[in-house]
Each structure stands twice: as C-alpha cells, then as structure tokens.
C-alpha cells in the first residue's frame, strides 16, 4: 500500500484530482447541513445575481438557491455514477470472464452479443431506454449501466485470455478447483488493475451521461441534478448566466478530477507503463 501511494503521488495531476474529488464528496456529504432546506424552495426573488441577499451563486428563474441545487445535485450525480458503474461492472466482468476463460463458442457468443450493443451509439440507446421506461432515477441508472458494460467485457476478456494459461491457473485446475473458484479466486484478482482504472473513468462518463439526459428533460423530475440546472438556465443564459455556468463548472471539475484520479491509478497500478510513458515524454 505504501508503494502504491508513493507511485500515485509522483503524478501531480492525480494528486490534484484526488483533492478535488474529496472536495466534491465533502460538498455532497455536507449538503443537508449547509443547505438544510429543500433545493426546490423559493428563497429569494428570481434572477438574483451571485452574492446578493446572501446567495453565494445567485437564484434561478423561480427564486431557488443555485448553490443549494448544486450541492444537493452532487449527491444525485455521484450516486448515479457509482451505482450505474457497479451494475455495469457486474455485467461486464461476468460476461468478459466467461468469454475469456471458456473461449470457443462461449467467447464467440458473448462477443457477438457485446458487438450488438456497440453498434448503437451509447447516448442514443440511453435516450431510447429512458424514454421507453419513463424518466426516473431507476431508468436513468439502468440505461447508463446498459450502455456502459460492453467496454468492460472486452477489457476483462482480454485479461482473462492472457491469464488463463498461466502456471497458477494450471496448478489450480490440477488441484481440482471448480471453474467458478478459479475465475473468482485466482484469475480475477490478477485482472483487477485495468478494471479499477476503467471504473474511475466510467463514473465520469456516467455523470456526463446523466447530466445530458437531465438537460434534455429525461432525468427524474423529482430530483435536483446538475443537468437539470443547466437545462433550466439555457433559455435565459444572457439574463442569468450563473444558472448554467456554475452547474457546468461542477460537472467539469468532477469529471476532470475523476479522469486525473484514473490516470494516477493507472500509473500506480502499472508502474512499467508509467515509466514507458515518462521515457517517451
């Protein structure tokens, strides 16, 4: 663990990303304490600029506190990103492990199934799924998970193909271990590095996708999200720029921090690749 942290700290951008991500999580965790009232409550006159009447980031077209909306929206965005990524990892890792370990017909079937989902643009498929099952937090999470698992399956399949003929796997087979035990207990732990890195990037993509869906009016109408805030301010961008700019900055900072953390995890978990990249630079 100490070596991992030392390698991670060598990437200054990754350290900055981690600090920013901690701040975003702190804002989400303390939102009910800092803004105890509902973000839907009208607390001031409409279109109050930032700093007026104690409103840090101003008010929107209905007099709601933009800062409260961003803080409470952070909880929804992070939750959607985390839950959809977990669901996508479960599906992708399961199918990728089956394809990579068994090979043959199972591999072909899983890959053709994966390619079917990849032939449809992910954003278009997500819109279709949410529209079919009506906009709600559950349908949004499910739609993001459905469009996110194919890359995971491909990465896991590649890792399993490279590991299934290693000596430790052959030894486990000789000892009579079951296939499930070999996959879960022997191969998967050795394939976790790229999965962890990919997961951090998937959370960032999920937050962007949820924001885009909410911007289009396909988010949960009962929940305050960053995409909803941007969408509600697009028609009055010249009159009240802060309604869209500050939620957009929140998305930008969160996605940037997750990408920086992902790069740092890649360097820490794959020091050889990091040295090659440093040498090339």
C-alpha atoms as a PDB file:
ATOM      1  CA  UNK A   1       0.000   0.000   0.000  1.00  0.00           C
ATOM      2  CA  UNK A   2       2.851   2.369   0.819  1.00  0.00           C
ATOM      3  CA  UNK A   3       4.481   1.676  -2.552  1.00  0.00           C
ATOM      4  CA  UNK A   4       1.164   2.256  -4.296  1.00  0.00           C
ATOM      5  CA  UNK A   5       0.712   5.643  -2.632  1.00  0.00           C
ATOM      6  CA  UNK A   6       4.307   6.635  -3.432  1.00  0.00           C
ATOM      7  CA  UNK A   7       3.802   5.830  -7.121  1.00  0.00           C
ATOM      8  CA  UNK A   8       0.468   7.643  -7.115  1.00  0.00           C
ATOM      9  CA  UNK A   9       1.962  10.809  -5.620  1.00  0.00           C
ATOM     10  CA  UNK A  10       4.516  11.033  -8.431  1.00  0.00           C
ATOM     11  CA  UNK A  11       1.674  12.103 -10.695  1.00  0.00           C
ATOM     12  CA  UNK A  12       0.972  15.663  -9.513  1.00  0.00           C
ATOM     13  CA  UNK A  13      -2.151  15.924 -11.628  1.00  0.00           C
ATOM     14  CA  UNK A  14      -3.534  12.793  -9.968  1.00  0.00           C
ATOM     15  CA  UNK A  15      -2.959  14.308  -6.521  1.00  0.00           C
ATOM     16  CA  UNK A  16      -4.796  17.473  -7.577  1.00  0.00           C
ATOM     17  CA  UNK A  17      -7.601  15.324  -8.965  1.00  0.00           C
ATOM     18  CA  UNK A  18      -7.867  13.402  -5.693  1.00  0.00           C
ATOM     19  CA  UNK A  19      -8.078  16.633  -3.686  1.00  0.00           C
ATOM     20  CA  UNK A  20     -10.789  17.990  -5.992  1.00  0.00           C
ATOM     21  CA  UNK A  21     -12.711  14.723  -5.801  1.00  0.00           C
ATOM     22  CA  UNK A  22     -12.549  14.751  -1.996  1.00  0.00           C
ATOM     23  CA  UNK A  23     -13.939  18.298  -2.030  1.00  0.00           C
ATOM     24  CA  UNK A  24     -16.812  17.223  -4.290  1.00  0.00           C
ATOM     25  CA  UNK A  25     -17.606  14.293  -1.978  1.00  0.00           C
ATOM     26  CA  UNK A  26     -17.413  16.622   1.040  1.00  0.00           C
ATOM     27  CA  UNK A  27     -19.860  19.024  -0.636  1.00  0.00           C
ATOM     28  CA  UNK A  28     -22.258  16.172  -1.358  1.00  0.00           C
ATOM     29  CA  UNK A  29     -21.973  14.779   2.172  1.00  0.00           C
ATOM     30  CA  UNK A  30     -22.494  18.127   3.907  1.00  0.00           C
ATOM     31  CA  UNK A  31     -25.229  19.447   1.582  1.00  0.00           C
ATOM     32  CA  UNK A  32     -28.059  18.754   4.093  1.00  0.00           C
ATOM     33  CA  UNK A  33     -26.086  20.586   6.795  1.00  0.00           C
ATOM     34  CA  UNK A  34     -25.071  23.614   4.736  1.00  0.00           C
ATOM     35  CA  UNK A  35     -28.425  23.853   2.948  1.00  0.00           C
ATOM     36  CA  UNK A  36     -30.973  22.195   5.265  1.00  0.00           C
ATOM     37  CA  UNK A  37     -33.963  23.390   3.239  1.00  0.00           C
ATOM     38  CA  UNK A  38     -35.125  21.709   0.053  1.00  0.00           C
ATOM     39  CA  UNK A  39     -33.296  22.924  -3.093  1.00  0.00           C
ATOM     40  CA  UNK A  40     -36.755  23.307  -4.646  1.00  0.00           C
ATOM     41  CA  UNK A  41     -37.772  26.008  -2.137  1.00  0.00           C
ATOM     42  CA  UNK A  42     -38.069  29.602  -3.388  1.00  0.00           C
ATOM     43  CA  UNK A  43     -35.854  31.649  -1.086  1.00  0.00           C
ATOM     44  CA  UNK A  44     -35.412  34.938  -2.966  1.00  0.00           C
ATOM     45  CA  UNK A  45     -36.560  36.957  -5.936  1.00  0.00           C
ATOM     46  CA  UNK A  46     -35.892  35.406  -9.363  1.00  0.00           C
ATOM     47  CA  UNK A  47     -32.602  36.079 -11.149  1.00  0.00           C
ATOM     48  CA  UNK A  48     -30.705  37.408  -8.146  1.00  0.00           C
ATOM     49  CA  UNK A  49     -27.004  37.620  -9.146  1.00  0.00           C
ATOM     50  CA  UNK A  50     -24.295  35.835  -7.110  1.00  0.00           C
ATOM     51  CA  UNK A  51     -23.600  37.474  -3.766  1.00  0.00           C
ATOM     52  CA  UNK A  52     -26.946  39.218  -3.448  1.00  0.00           C
ATOM     53  CA  UNK A  53     -29.019  38.591  -0.291  1.00  0.00           C
ATOM     54  CA  UNK A  54     -26.531  36.031   0.969  1.00  0.00           C
ATOM     55  CA  UNK A  55     -26.944  33.783  -2.062  1.00  0.00           C
ATOM     56  CA  UNK A  56     -23.451  32.566  -2.943  1.00  0.00           C
ATOM     57  CA  UNK A  57     -24.259  31.664  -6.539  1.00  0.00           C
ATOM     58  CA  UNK A  58     -27.455  33.627  -7.079  1.00  0.00           C
ATOM     59  CA  UNK A  59     -31.010  32.427  -7.686  1.00  0.00           C
ATOM     60  CA  UNK A  60     -32.733  30.878 -10.667  1.00  0.00           C
ATOM     61  CA  UNK A  61     -35.856  31.867 -12.609  1.00  0.00           C
ATOM     62  CA  UNK A  62     -38.107  30.798  -9.718  1.00  0.00           C
ATOM     63  CA  UNK A  63     -36.010  32.253  -6.898  1.00  0.00           C
ATOM     64  CA  UNK A  64     -34.399  28.958  -5.881  1.00  0.00           C
ATOM     65  CA  UNK A  65     -30.855  28.938  -4.474  1.00  0.00           C
ATOM     66  CA  UNK A  66     -28.433  27.812  -7.210  1.00  0.00           C
ATOM     67  CA  UNK A  67     -25.758  26.857  -4.655  1.00  0.00           C
ATOM     68  CA  UNK A  68     -28.221  24.625  -2.809  1.00  0.00           C
ATOM     69  CA  UNK A  69     -29.189  22.992  -6.093  1.00  0.00           C
ATOM     70  CA  UNK A  70     -25.544  22.293  -6.962  1.00  0.00           C
ATOM     71  CA  UNK A  71     -24.753  20.885  -3.502  1.00  0.00           C
ATOM     72  CA  UNK A  72     -27.801  18.604  -3.412  1.00  0.00           C
ATOM     73  CA  UNK A  73     -27.337  17.730  -7.078  1.00  0.00           C
ATOM     74  CA  UNK A  74     -23.846  16.456  -6.285  1.00  0.00           C
ATOM     75  CA  UNK A  75     -25.396  13.676  -4.202  1.00  0.00           C
ATOM     76  CA  UNK A  76     -27.582  12.547  -7.112  1.00  0.00           C
ATOM     77  CA  UNK A  77     -24.824  12.776  -9.733  1.00  0.00           C
ATOM     78  CA  UNK A  78     -22.299  10.841  -7.644  1.00  0.00           C
ATOM     79  CA  UNK A  79     -24.896   8.256  -6.676  1.00  0.00           C
ATOM     80  CA  UNK A  80     -25.956   7.709 -10.302  1.00  0.00           C
ATOM     81  CA  UNK A  81     -22.322   7.477 -11.387  1.00  0.00           C
ATOM     82  CA  UNK A  82     -21.397   4.977  -8.673  1.00  0.00           C
ATOM     83  CA  UNK A  83     -24.479   2.733  -8.874  1.00  0.00           C
ATOM     84  CA  UNK A  84     -24.565   2.572 -12.678  1.00  0.00           C
ATOM     85  CA  UNK A  85     -20.843   1.801 -12.757  1.00  0.00           C
ATOM     86  CA  UNK A  86     -21.235  -1.007 -10.213  1.00  0.00           C
ATOM     87  CA  UNK A  87     -24.071  -2.518 -12.265  1.00  0.00           C
ATOM     88  CA  UNK A  88     -22.099  -2.191 -15.499  1.00  0.00           C
ATOM     89  CA  UNK A  89     -19.023  -3.753 -13.875  1.00  0.00           C
ATOM     90  CA  UNK A  90     -21.059  -6.703 -12.627  1.00  0.00           C
ATOM     91  CA  UNK A  91     -22.438  -7.434 -16.107  1.00  0.00           C
ATOM     92  CA  UNK A  92     -19.231  -6.655 -17.978  1.00  0.00           C
ATOM     93  CA  UNK A  93     -16.920  -8.583 -15.656  1.00  0.00           C
ATOM     94  CA  UNK A  94     -19.239 -11.604 -15.612  1.00  0.00           C
ATOM     95  CA  UNK A  95     -19.577 -11.816 -19.403  1.00  0.00           C
ATOM     96  CA  UNK A  96     -15.936 -10.964 -20.042  1.00  0.00           C
ATOM     97  CA  UNK A  97     -14.780 -13.629 -17.596  1.00  0.00           C
ATOM     98  CA  UNK A  98     -16.964 -16.278 -19.230  1.00  0.00           C
ATOM     99  CA  UNK A  99     -15.734 -15.332 -22.707  1.00  0.00           C
ATOM    100  CA  UNK A 100     -12.072 -15.126 -21.759  1.00  0.00           C
ATOM    101  CA  UNK A 101     -11.868 -18.259 -19.627  1.00  0.00           C
ATOM    102  CA  UNK A 102     -14.058 -20.639 -21.611  1.00  0.00           C
ATOM    103  CA  UNK A 103     -13.213 -19.404 -25.105  1.00  0.00           C
ATOM    104  CA  UNK A 104     -14.620 -21.180 -28.144  1.00  0.00           C
ATOM    105  CA  UNK A 105     -18.370 -20.988 -28.678  1.00  0.00           C
ATOM    106  CA  UNK A 106     -18.960 -19.116 -25.410  1.00  0.00           C
ATOM    107  CA  UNK A 107     -16.405 -16.498 -26.423  1.00  0.00           C
ATOM    108  CA  UNK A 108     -17.973 -16.034 -29.855  1.00  0.00           C
ATOM    109  CA  UNK A 109     -21.493 -15.772 -28.418  1.00  0.00           C
ATOM    110  CA  UNK A 110     -20.539 -13.214 -25.779  1.00  0.00           C
ATOM    111  CA  UNK A 111     -18.542 -11.106 -28.233  1.00  0.00           C
ATOM    112  CA  UNK A 112     -21.344 -11.064 -30.815  1.00  0.00           C
ATOM    113  CA  UNK A 113     -23.760 -10.041 -28.044  1.00  0.00           C
ATOM    114  CA  UNK A 114     -21.353  -7.286 -26.977  1.00  0.00           C
ATOM    115  CA  UNK A 115     -20.906  -6.052 -30.533  1.00  0.00           C
ATOM    116  CA  UNK A 116     -24.674  -5.786 -30.929  1.00  0.00           C
ATOM    117  CA  UNK A 117     -24.801  -3.202 -28.138  1.00  0.00           C
ATOM    118  CA  UNK A 118     -21.778  -1.367 -29.504  1.00  0.00           C
ATOM    119  CA  UNK A 119     -23.363  -0.912 -32.943  1.00  0.00           C
ATOM    120  CA  UNK A 120     -25.840   1.562 -31.418  1.00  0.00           C
ATOM    121  CA  UNK A 121     -24.442   4.924 -30.224  1.00  0.00           C
ATOM    122  CA  UNK A 122     -24.478   4.805 -26.438  1.00  0.00           C
ATOM    123  CA  UNK A 123     -26.162   8.172 -25.955  1.00  0.00           C
ATOM    124  CA  UNK A 124     -28.922   7.351 -28.446  1.00  0.00           C
ATOM    125  CA  UNK A 125     -29.519   3.985 -26.771  1.00  0.00           C
ATOM    126  CA  UNK A 126     -29.661   5.615 -23.344  1.00  0.00           C
ATOM    127  CA  UNK A 127     -32.246   8.138 -24.581  1.00  0.00           C
ATOM    128  CA  UNK A 128     -34.366   5.359 -26.071  1.00  0.00           C
ATOM    129  CA  UNK A 129     -34.258   3.261 -22.901  1.00  0.00           C
ATOM    130  CA  UNK A 130     -35.158   6.157 -20.590  1.00  0.00           C
ATOM    131  CA  UNK A 131     -37.948   7.295 -22.916  1.00  0.00           C
ATOM    132  CA  UNK A 132     -39.402   3.778 -23.111  1.00  0.00           C
ATOM    133  CA  UNK A 133     -39.381   3.155 -19.350  1.00  0.00           C
ATOM    134  CA  UNK A 134     -40.343   6.767 -18.424  1.00  0.00           C
ATOM    135  CA  UNK A 135     -37.808   9.137 -16.824  1.00  0.00           C
ATOM    136  CA  UNK A 136     -36.904   8.169 -13.269  1.00  0.00           C
ATOM    137  CA  UNK A 137     -33.759   7.648 -11.257  1.00  0.00           C
ATOM    138  CA  UNK A 138     -34.071   3.885 -11.725  1.00  0.00           C
ATOM    139  CA  UNK A 139     -34.461   4.050 -15.500  1.00  0.00           C
ATOM    140  CA  UNK A 140     -31.556   6.501 -15.790  1.00  0.00           C
ATOM    141  CA  UNK A 141     -29.244   4.240 -13.769  1.00  0.00           C
ATOM    142  CA  UNK A 142     -30.342   1.174 -15.742  1.00  0.00           C
ATOM    143  CA  UNK A 143     -29.888   2.926 -19.092  1.00  0.00           C
ATOM    144  CA  UNK A 144     -26.383   4.136 -18.215  1.00  0.00           C
ATOM    145  CA  UNK A 145     -25.427   0.663 -16.981  1.00  0.00           C
ATOM    146  CA  UNK A 146     -26.718  -0.959 -20.189  1.00  0.00           C
ATOM    147  CA  UNK A 147     -24.629   1.304 -22.434  1.00  0.00           C
ATOM    148  CA  UNK A 148     -21.521   1.137 -20.201  1.00  0.00           C
ATOM    149  CA  UNK A 149     -20.847  -2.588 -19.779  1.00  0.00           C
ATOM    150  CA  UNK A 150     -19.531  -3.559 -23.292  1.00  0.00           C
ATOM    151  CA  UNK A 151     -16.080  -1.928 -22.888  1.00  0.00           C
ATOM    152  CA  UNK A 152     -15.727  -3.660 -19.516  1.00  0.00           C
ATOM    153  CA  UNK A 153     -16.495  -7.041 -21.070  1.00  0.00           C
ATOM    154  CA  UNK A 154     -13.830  -6.511 -23.734  1.00  0.00           C
ATOM    155  CA  UNK A 155     -11.162  -5.467 -21.236  1.00  0.00           C
ATOM    156  CA  UNK A 156     -11.911  -8.375 -18.887  1.00  0.00           C
ATOM    157  CA  UNK A 157     -11.983 -10.850 -21.770  1.00  0.00           C
ATOM    158  CA  UNK A 158      -8.540  -9.685 -22.922  1.00  0.00           C
ATOM    159  CA  UNK A 159      -7.129 -10.006 -19.403  1.00  0.00           C
ATOM    160  CA  UNK A 160      -8.586 -13.487 -18.931  1.00  0.00           C
ATOM    161  CA  UNK A 161      -7.260 -14.639 -22.301  1.00  0.00           C
ATOM    162  CA  UNK A 162      -3.752 -13.617 -21.236  1.00  0.00           C
ATOM    163  CA  UNK A 163      -4.039 -15.174 -17.778  1.00  0.00           C
ATOM    164  CA  UNK A 164      -5.941 -18.428 -18.308  1.00  0.00           C
ATOM    165  CA  UNK A 165      -2.856 -20.361 -19.472  1.00  0.00           C
ATOM    166  CA  UNK A 166      -0.542 -19.144 -16.705  1.00  0.00           C
ATOM    167  CA  UNK A 167       1.053 -21.630 -14.351  1.00  0.00           C
ATOM    168  CA  UNK A 168      -1.006 -20.652 -11.305  1.00  0.00           C
ATOM    169  CA  UNK A 169      -4.246 -21.300 -13.236  1.00  0.00           C
ATOM    170  CA  UNK A 170      -2.992 -24.681 -14.449  1.00  0.00           C
ATOM    171  CA  UNK A 171      -1.981 -25.548 -10.892  1.00  0.00           C
ATOM    172  CA  UNK A 172      -5.454 -24.669  -9.637  1.00  0.00           C
ATOM    173  CA  UNK A 173      -7.018 -26.884 -12.302  1.00  0.00           C
ATOM    174  CA  UNK A 174      -4.740 -29.768 -11.344  1.00  0.00           C
ATOM    175  CA  UNK A 175      -5.783 -29.354  -7.708  1.00  0.00           C
ATOM    176  CA  UNK A 176      -9.387 -29.893  -8.805  1.00  0.00           C
ATOM    177  CA  UNK A 177     -10.742 -26.445  -8.126  1.00  0.00           C
ATOM    178  CA  UNK A 178     -14.062 -25.586  -9.742  1.00  0.00           C
ATOM    179  CA  UNK A 179     -14.194 -23.191 -12.662  1.00  0.00           C
ATOM    180  CA  UNK A 180     -16.025 -20.618 -10.583  1.00  0.00           C
ATOM    181  CA  UNK A 181     -13.387 -20.820  -7.868  1.00  0.00           C
ATOM    182  CA  UNK A 182     -10.575 -20.425 -10.397  1.00  0.00           C
ATOM    183  CA  UNK A 183     -12.228 -17.473 -12.102  1.00  0.00           C
ATOM    184  CA  UNK A 184     -13.157 -15.631  -8.899  1.00  0.00           C
ATOM    185  CA  UNK A 185     -10.307 -16.624  -6.637  1.00  0.00           C
ATOM    186  CA  UNK A 186      -7.313 -16.949  -8.960  1.00  0.00           C
ATOM    187  CA  UNK A 187      -7.740 -15.086 -12.238  1.00  0.00           C
ATOM    188  CA  UNK A 188      -9.954 -12.125 -11.318  1.00  0.00           C
ATOM    189  CA  UNK A 189      -7.662 -10.736  -8.561  1.00  0.00           C
ATOM    190  CA  UNK A 190      -4.836 -10.617 -11.110  1.00  0.00           C
ATOM    191  CA  UNK A 191      -7.035  -8.742 -13.593  1.00  0.00           C
ATOM    192  CA  UNK A 192      -8.252  -6.046 -11.211  1.00  0.00           C
ATOM    193  CA  UNK A 193      -5.773  -3.290 -12.139  1.00  0.00           C
ATOM    194  CA  UNK A 194      -7.281  -2.328 -15.518  1.00  0.00           C
ATOM    195  CA  UNK A 195     -10.796  -2.839 -14.139  1.00  0.00           C
ATOM    196  CA  UNK A 196     -10.184  -0.358 -11.306  1.00  0.00           C
ATOM    197  CA  UNK A 197      -8.776   2.239 -13.696  1.00  0.00           C
ATOM    198  CA  UNK A 198     -11.660   1.713 -16.110  1.00  0.00           C
ATOM    199  CA  UNK A 199     -14.196   2.027 -13.279  1.00  0.00           C
ATOM    200  CA  UNK A 200     -12.985   5.517 -12.344  1.00  0.00           C
ATOM    201  CA  UNK A 201     -13.359   6.649 -15.953  1.00  0.00           C
ATOM    202  CA  UNK A 202     -16.793   5.016 -16.180  1.00  0.00           C
ATOM    203  CA  UNK A 203     -18.052   7.028 -13.211  1.00  0.00           C
ATOM    204  CA  UNK A 204     -17.009  10.218 -15.004  1.00  0.00           C
ATOM    205  CA  UNK A 205     -18.759   9.100 -18.202  1.00  0.00           C
ATOM    206  CA  UNK A 206     -21.878   8.149 -16.238  1.00  0.00           C
ATOM    207  CA  UNK A 207     -22.044  11.607 -14.621  1.00  0.00           C
ATOM    208  CA  UNK A 208     -21.753  13.240 -18.047  1.00  0.00           C
ATOM    209  CA  UNK A 209     -24.416  10.959 -19.491  1.00  0.00           C
ATOM    210  CA  UNK A 210     -26.831  11.565 -16.609  1.00  0.00           C
ATOM    211  CA  UNK A 211     -26.302  15.311 -16.940  1.00  0.00           C
ATOM    212  CA  UNK A 212     -27.005  15.143 -20.678  1.00  0.00           C
ATOM    213  CA  UNK A 213     -30.204  13.164 -20.095  1.00  0.00           C
ATOM    214  CA  UNK A 214     -31.372  15.616 -17.430  1.00  0.00           C
ATOM    215  CA  UNK A 215     -30.502  18.528 -19.713  1.00  0.00           C
ATOM    216  CA  UNK A 216     -32.843  17.041 -22.328  1.00  0.00           C
ATOM    217  CA  UNK A 217     -35.617  16.651 -19.753  1.00  0.00           C
ATOM    218  CA  UNK A 218     -35.170  12.885 -19.403  1.00  0.00           C
ATOM    219  CA  UNK A 219     -33.946  12.905 -15.807  1.00  0.00           C
ATOM    220  CA  UNK A 220     -36.012  12.194 -12.728  1.00  0.00           C
ATOM    221  CA  UNK A 221     -38.398  15.195 -12.429  1.00  0.00           C
ATOM    222  CA  UNK A 222     -38.452  14.816  -8.641  1.00  0.00           C
ATOM    223  CA  UNK A 223     -34.690  15.173  -8.160  1.00  0.00           C
ATOM    224  CA  UNK A 224     -32.458  18.221  -8.477  1.00  0.00           C
ATOM    225  CA  UNK A 225     -29.467  17.401 -10.708  1.00  0.00           C
ATOM    226  CA  UNK A 226     -26.684  19.357 -12.378  1.00  0.00           C
ATOM    227  CA  UNK A 227     -28.059  18.607 -15.827  1.00  0.00           C
ATOM    228  CA  UNK A 228     -31.482  19.886 -14.801  1.00  0.00           C
ATOM    229  CA  UNK A 229     -29.943  23.127 -13.521  1.00  0.00           C
ATOM    230  CA  UNK A 230     -28.097  23.703 -16.788  1.00  0.00           C
ATOM    231  CA  UNK A 231     -31.187  22.867 -18.821  1.00  0.00           C
ATOM    232  CA  UNK A 232     -33.397  25.227 -16.825  1.00  0.00           C
ATOM    233  CA  UNK A 233     -30.964  28.081 -17.415  1.00  0.00           C
ATOM    234  CA  UNK A 234     -30.309  27.636 -21.125  1.00  0.00           C
ATOM    235  CA  UNK A 235     -33.245  29.823 -22.210  1.00  0.00           C
ATOM    236  CA  UNK A 236     -32.116  32.728 -20.023  1.00  0.00           C
ATOM    237  CA  UNK A 237     -28.356  32.387 -20.447  1.00  0.00           C
ATOM    238  CA  UNK A 238     -27.962  36.073 -21.368  1.00  0.00           C
ATOM    239  CA  UNK A 239     -30.054  37.272 -18.452  1.00  0.00           C
ATOM    240  CA  UNK A 240     -28.805  34.872 -15.758  1.00  0.00           C
ATOM    241  CA  UNK A 241     -25.570  33.241 -16.909  1.00  0.00           C
ATOM    242  CA  UNK A 242     -24.863  31.855 -13.429  1.00  0.00           C
ATOM    243  CA  UNK A 243     -27.772  29.408 -13.671  1.00  0.00           C
ATOM    244  CA  UNK A 244     -25.902  27.343 -16.281  1.00  0.00           C
ATOM    245  CA  UNK A 245     -22.260  28.283 -15.725  1.00  0.00           C
ATOM    246  CA  UNK A 246     -21.883  27.183 -12.097  1.00  0.00           C
ATOM    247  CA  UNK A 247     -23.529  23.737 -12.533  1.00  0.00           C
ATOM    248  CA  UNK A 248     -21.437  23.303 -15.668  1.00  0.00           C
ATOM    249  CA  UNK A 249     -18.299  24.072 -13.668  1.00  0.00           C
ATOM    250  CA  UNK A 250     -19.358  21.498 -11.062  1.00  0.00           C
ATOM    251  CA  UNK A 251     -19.643  18.850 -13.788  1.00  0.00           C
ATOM    252  CA  UNK A 252     -16.331  19.938 -15.313  1.00  0.00           C
ATOM    253  CA  UNK A 253     -14.439  19.777 -12.008  1.00  0.00           C
ATOM    254  CA  UNK A 254     -15.928  16.395 -11.049  1.00  0.00           C
ATOM    255  CA  UNK A 255     -15.280  14.752 -14.409  1.00  0.00           C
ATOM    256  CA  UNK A 256     -11.774  16.241 -14.610  1.00  0.00           C
ATOM    257  CA  UNK A 257     -10.911  15.019 -11.115  1.00  0.00           C
ATOM    258  CA  UNK A 258     -12.146  11.507 -11.888  1.00  0.00           C
ATOM    259  CA  UNK A 259     -10.075  11.389 -15.066  1.00  0.00           C
ATOM    260  CA  UNK A 260      -6.984  12.626 -13.219  1.00  0.00           C
ATOM    261  CA  UNK A 261      -7.531  10.045 -10.480  1.00  0.00           C
ATOM    262  CA  UNK A 262      -7.928   7.354 -13.152  1.00  0.00           C
ATOM    263  CA  UNK A 263      -4.623   8.367 -14.719  1.00  0.00           C
ATOM    264  CA  UNK A 264      -2.950   8.268 -11.312  1.00  0.00           C
ATOM    265  CA  UNK A 265      -4.377   4.811 -10.597  1.00  0.00           C
ATOM    266  CA  UNK A 266      -3.090   3.629 -13.959  1.00  0.00           C
ATOM    267  CA  UNK A 267       0.414   4.868 -13.126  1.00  0.00           C
ATOM    268  CA  UNK A 268       0.324   3.394  -9.619  1.00  0.00           C
ATOM    269  CA  UNK A 269      -1.047   0.001 -10.659  1.00  0.00           C
ATOM    270  CA  UNK A 270       1.064  -0.273 -13.829  1.00  0.00           C
ATOM    271  CA  UNK A 271       4.452   1.266 -12.971  1.00  0.00           C
ATOM    272  CA  UNK A 272       6.073  -0.243 -16.076  1.00  0.00           C
ATOM    273  CA  UNK A 273       3.589   1.532 -18.347  1.00  0.00           C
ATOM    274  CA  UNK A 274       4.114   4.763 -16.421  1.00  0.00           C
ATOM    275  CA  UNK A 275       7.903   4.508 -16.918  1.00  0.00           C
ATOM    276  CA  UNK A 276       7.436   3.908 -20.634  1.00  0.00           C
ATOM    277  CA  UNK A 277       5.193   6.952 -20.902  1.00  0.00           C
ATOM    278  CA  UNK A 278       7.670   9.038 -18.942  1.00  0.00           C
ATOM    279  CA  UNK A 279      10.544   7.887 -21.153  1.00  0.00           C
ATOM    280  CA  UNK A 280       8.605   8.703 -24.302  1.00  0.00           C
ATOM    281  CA  UNK A 281       7.869  12.168 -22.991  1.00  0.00           C
END
